[in-house]
Amino acid sequence: MRHEIVLSLNGLEQTIQIISETFKNRMVWKIKFKSGEEAVLFKYMDVWMQRNEDNLDHRTIAAIGNQIDHMNLNIPAA
């Protein structure tokens, strides 16, 4: 499933693409930024995490994870 969201951090807005996939029986979300950078996020219990090779800061991971949680629950994101 593909989604596009507008992420607003530090006063900057950027559109990112989120693609949900399954990897080794785990649900993961591939994040594509307009700059061409990619990251893969997954949720372990209640904590959003990223692959070791991705370099997103914790605030960005939490903001994207919050958007994914709202999409999955079909409730509007704040």
N, C-alpha and C. Protein backbone atom coordinates (compact mmCIF):
# COMPACT_ATOMS: atom_id res chain seq x y z
N MET A 1 0.84 -1.16 0.00
CA MET A 1 0.00 0.00 0.00
C MET A 1 0.90 1.24 0.00
N ARG A 2 0.56 2.22 -0.82
CA ARG A 2 1.35 3.45 -0.92
C ARG A 2 0.55 4.62 -0.39
N HIS A 3 1.25 5.49 0.32
CA HIS A 3 0.66 6.72 0.85
C HIS A 3 1.65 7.85 0.64
N GLU A 4 1.14 9.05 0.51
CA GLU A 4 1.99 10.23 0.54
C GLU A 4 1.49 11.11 1.66
N ILE A 5 2.42 11.61 2.46
CA ILE A 5 2.06 12.51 3.55
C ILE A 5 2.97 13.73 3.51
N VAL A 6 2.52 14.78 4.14
CA VAL A 6 3.36 15.97 4.30
C VAL A 6 3.86 15.96 5.74
N LEU A 7 5.15 15.94 5.88
CA LEU A 7 5.79 15.89 7.19
C LEU A 7 6.30 17.29 7.51
N SER A 8 5.95 17.80 8.66
CA SER A 8 6.37 19.14 9.06
C SER A 8 7.23 19.05 10.31
N LEU A 9 8.52 19.34 10.15
CA LEU A 9 9.46 19.34 11.26
C LEU A 9 10.34 20.58 11.18
N ASN A 10 10.61 21.19 12.29
CA ASN A 10 11.48 22.37 12.35
C ASN A 10 11.03 23.47 11.41
N GLY A 11 9.73 23.60 11.19
CA GLY A 11 9.21 24.63 10.32
C GLY A 11 9.33 24.33 8.84
N LEU A 12 9.88 23.18 8.50
CA LEU A 12 10.02 22.77 7.11
C LEU A 12 9.01 21.69 6.78
N GLU A 13 8.39 21.80 5.63
CA GLU A 13 7.46 20.77 5.19
C GLU A 13 8.05 20.03 4.01
N GLN A 14 7.87 18.74 4.01
CA GLN A 14 8.29 17.94 2.87
C GLN A 14 7.32 16.79 2.68
N THR A 15 7.09 16.47 1.42
CA THR A 15 6.22 15.35 1.08
C THR A 15 7.07 14.10 1.03
N ILE A 16 6.61 13.06 1.71
CA ILE A 16 7.32 11.79 1.67
C ILE A 16 6.35 10.70 1.22
N GLN A 17 6.89 9.67 0.64
CA GLN A 17 6.09 8.53 0.19
C GLN A 17 6.34 7.38 1.15
N ILE A 18 5.27 6.73 1.56
CA ILE A 18 5.36 5.59 2.48
C ILE A 18 4.79 4.37 1.78
N ILE A 19 5.57 3.31 1.73
CA ILE A 19 5.16 2.06 1.10
C ILE A 19 5.23 0.95 2.14
N SER A 20 4.11 0.31 2.40
CA SER A 20 4.13 -0.79 3.38
C SER A 20 4.47 -2.08 2.66
N GLU A 21 5.30 -2.87 3.29
CA GLU A 21 5.77 -4.14 2.74
C GLU A 21 5.93 -5.15 3.87
N THR A 22 6.12 -6.39 3.50
CA THR A 22 6.44 -7.43 4.47
C THR A 22 7.86 -7.90 4.19
N PHE A 23 8.67 -7.98 5.25
CA PHE A 23 10.05 -8.43 5.13
C PHE A 23 10.29 -9.45 6.23
N LYS A 24 10.59 -10.68 5.85
CA LYS A 24 10.82 -11.76 6.82
C LYS A 24 9.69 -11.84 7.84
N ASN A 25 8.48 -11.88 7.36
CA ASN A 25 7.27 -11.99 8.19
C ASN A 25 7.06 -10.80 9.12
N ARG A 26 7.69 -9.67 8.87
CA ARG A 26 7.52 -8.47 9.68
C ARG A 26 7.02 -7.35 8.78
N MET A 27 6.08 -6.57 9.27
CA MET A 27 5.57 -5.43 8.53
C MET A 27 6.58 -4.29 8.63
N VAL A 28 7.01 -3.77 7.48
CA VAL A 28 7.94 -2.65 7.45
C VAL A 28 7.37 -1.57 6.54
N TRP A 29 7.87 -0.36 6.70
CA TRP A 29 7.43 0.77 5.88
C TRP A 29 8.66 1.41 5.27
N LYS A 30 8.70 1.41 3.93
CA LYS A 30 9.79 2.05 3.21
C LYS A 30 9.41 3.52 3.03
N ILE A 31 10.30 4.40 3.45
CA ILE A 31 10.07 5.83 3.39
C ILE A 31 10.96 6.40 2.29
N LYS A 32 10.35 7.14 1.36
CA LYS A 32 11.11 7.78 0.28
C LYS A 32 10.93 9.29 0.37
N PHE A 33 12.06 9.99 0.49
CA PHE A 33 12.04 11.44 0.55
C PHE A 33 12.25 12.00 -0.86
N LYS A 34 11.83 13.25 -1.07
CA LYS A 34 11.99 13.88 -2.38
C LYS A 34 13.45 13.99 -2.79
N SER A 35 14.34 14.05 -1.80
CA SER A 35 15.78 14.17 -2.09
C SER A 35 16.35 12.86 -2.65
N GLY A 36 15.54 11.79 -2.62
CA GLY A 36 16.01 10.50 -3.10
C GLY A 36 16.44 9.57 -1.97
N GLU A 37 16.58 10.12 -0.77
CA GLU A 37 16.95 9.28 0.37
C GLU A 37 15.82 8.31 0.70
N GLU A 38 16.19 7.16 1.20
CA GLU A 38 15.21 6.15 1.61
C GLU A 38 15.56 5.66 3.01
N ALA A 39 14.56 5.22 3.72
CA ALA A 39 14.74 4.62 5.03
C ALA A 39 13.68 3.54 5.17
N VAL A 40 13.93 2.60 6.06
CA VAL A 40 12.95 1.56 6.36
C VAL A 40 12.67 1.62 7.85
N LEU A 41 11.38 1.76 8.17
CA LEU A 41 10.95 1.80 9.57
C LEU A 41 10.15 0.56 9.91
N PHE A 42 10.21 0.17 11.15
CA PHE A 42 9.38 -0.92 11.65
C PHE A 42 9.04 -0.60 13.10
N LYS A 43 8.00 -1.24 13.59
CA LYS A 43 7.56 -0.99 14.95
C LYS A 43 7.84 -2.22 15.79
N TYR A 44 8.53 -2.02 16.89
CA TYR A 44 8.78 -3.09 17.85
C TYR A 44 8.06 -2.71 19.13
N MET A 45 7.03 -3.45 19.45
CA MET A 45 6.13 -3.16 20.55
C MET A 45 5.52 -1.78 20.30
N ASP A 46 5.83 -0.77 21.11
CA ASP A 46 5.27 0.57 20.91
C ASP A 46 6.31 1.55 20.39
N VAL A 47 7.48 1.07 19.99
CA VAL A 47 8.58 1.95 19.60
C VAL A 47 8.87 1.81 18.11
N TRP A 48 8.93 2.95 17.42
CA TRP A 48 9.30 2.96 16.01
C TRP A 48 10.81 2.94 15.91
N MET A 49 11.33 2.08 15.02
CA MET A 49 12.76 1.91 14.85
C MET A 49 13.10 1.97 13.36
N GLN A 50 14.40 2.09 13.08
CA GLN A 50 14.87 2.13 11.70
C GLN A 50 15.98 1.10 11.50
N ARG A 51 16.30 0.82 10.24
CA ARG A 51 17.43 -0.07 9.96
C ARG A 51 18.70 0.57 10.47
N ASN A 52 19.71 -0.25 10.70
CA ASN A 52 21.00 0.26 11.19
C ASN A 52 21.63 1.26 10.23
N GLU A 53 21.45 1.07 8.93
CA GLU A 53 22.11 1.93 7.96
C GLU A 53 21.37 3.24 7.69
N ASP A 54 20.18 3.40 8.22
CA ASP A 54 19.43 4.65 8.04
C ASP A 54 19.82 5.63 9.14
N ASN A 55 19.83 6.91 8.79
CA ASN A 55 20.32 7.92 9.73
C ASN A 55 19.28 8.98 10.06
N LEU A 56 18.06 8.57 10.31
CA LEU A 56 17.03 9.53 10.71
C LEU A 56 17.16 9.81 12.20
N ASP A 57 16.88 11.05 12.60
CA ASP A 57 16.92 11.36 14.02
C ASP A 57 15.64 10.84 14.68
N HIS A 58 15.68 10.73 16.00
CA HIS A 58 14.56 10.14 16.74
C HIS A 58 13.26 10.93 16.56
N ARG A 59 13.36 12.23 16.46
CA ARG A 59 12.16 13.06 16.30
C ARG A 59 11.49 12.77 14.95
N THR A 60 12.28 12.63 13.90
CA THR A 60 11.73 12.32 12.58
C THR A 60 11.09 10.94 12.57
N ILE A 61 11.76 9.97 13.16
CA ILE A 61 11.21 8.61 13.23
C ILE A 61 9.87 8.63 13.96
N ALA A 62 9.81 9.33 15.09
CA ALA A 62 8.57 9.39 15.87
C ALA A 62 7.45 10.08 15.08
N ALA A 63 7.78 11.15 14.36
CA ALA A 63 6.77 11.89 13.59
C ALA A 63 6.22 11.03 12.46
N ILE A 64 7.09 10.34 11.74
CA ILE A 64 6.64 9.47 10.65
C ILE A 64 5.85 8.29 11.23
N GLY A 65 6.34 7.71 12.30
CA GLY A 65 5.63 6.60 12.94
C GLY A 65 4.25 7.00 13.40
N ASN A 66 4.12 8.19 13.94
CA ASN A 66 2.82 8.70 14.37
C ASN A 66 1.86 8.80 13.18
N GLN A 67 2.35 9.28 12.05
CA GLN A 67 1.53 9.36 10.85
C GLN A 67 1.10 7.96 10.38
N ILE A 68 2.02 7.01 10.43
CA ILE A 68 1.69 5.64 10.02
C ILE A 68 0.64 5.05 10.96
N ASP A 69 0.82 5.27 12.26
CA ASP A 69 -0.16 4.77 13.23
C ASP A 69 -1.55 5.32 12.92
N HIS A 70 -1.65 6.61 12.61
CA HIS A 70 -2.93 7.23 12.31
C HIS A 70 -3.52 6.68 11.01
N MET A 71 -2.67 6.42 10.02
CA MET A 71 -3.15 5.85 8.76
C MET A 71 -3.71 4.45 8.99
N ASN A 72 -3.00 3.67 9.79
CA ASN A 72 -3.41 2.28 10.04
C ASN A 72 -4.69 2.21 10.87
N LEU A 73 -4.94 3.21 11.69
CA LEU A 73 -6.13 3.23 12.52
C LEU A 73 -7.27 3.98 11.84
N ASN A 74 -7.00 4.54 10.67
CA ASN A 74 -7.99 5.32 9.93
C ASN A 74 -8.52 6.50 10.72
N ILE A 75 -7.65 7.14 11.51
CA ILE A 75 -8.05 8.35 12.20
C ILE A 75 -7.18 9.48 11.69
N PRO A 76 -7.70 10.69 11.62
CA PRO A 76 -6.93 11.80 11.07
C PRO A 76 -5.71 12.11 11.93
N ALA A 77 -4.59 12.37 11.26
CA ALA A 77 -3.37 12.74 11.97
C ALA A 77 -3.44 14.19 12.39
N ALA A 78 -2.85 14.50 13.53
CA ALA A 78 -2.88 15.88 14.06
C ALA A 78 -1.89 16.74 13.33
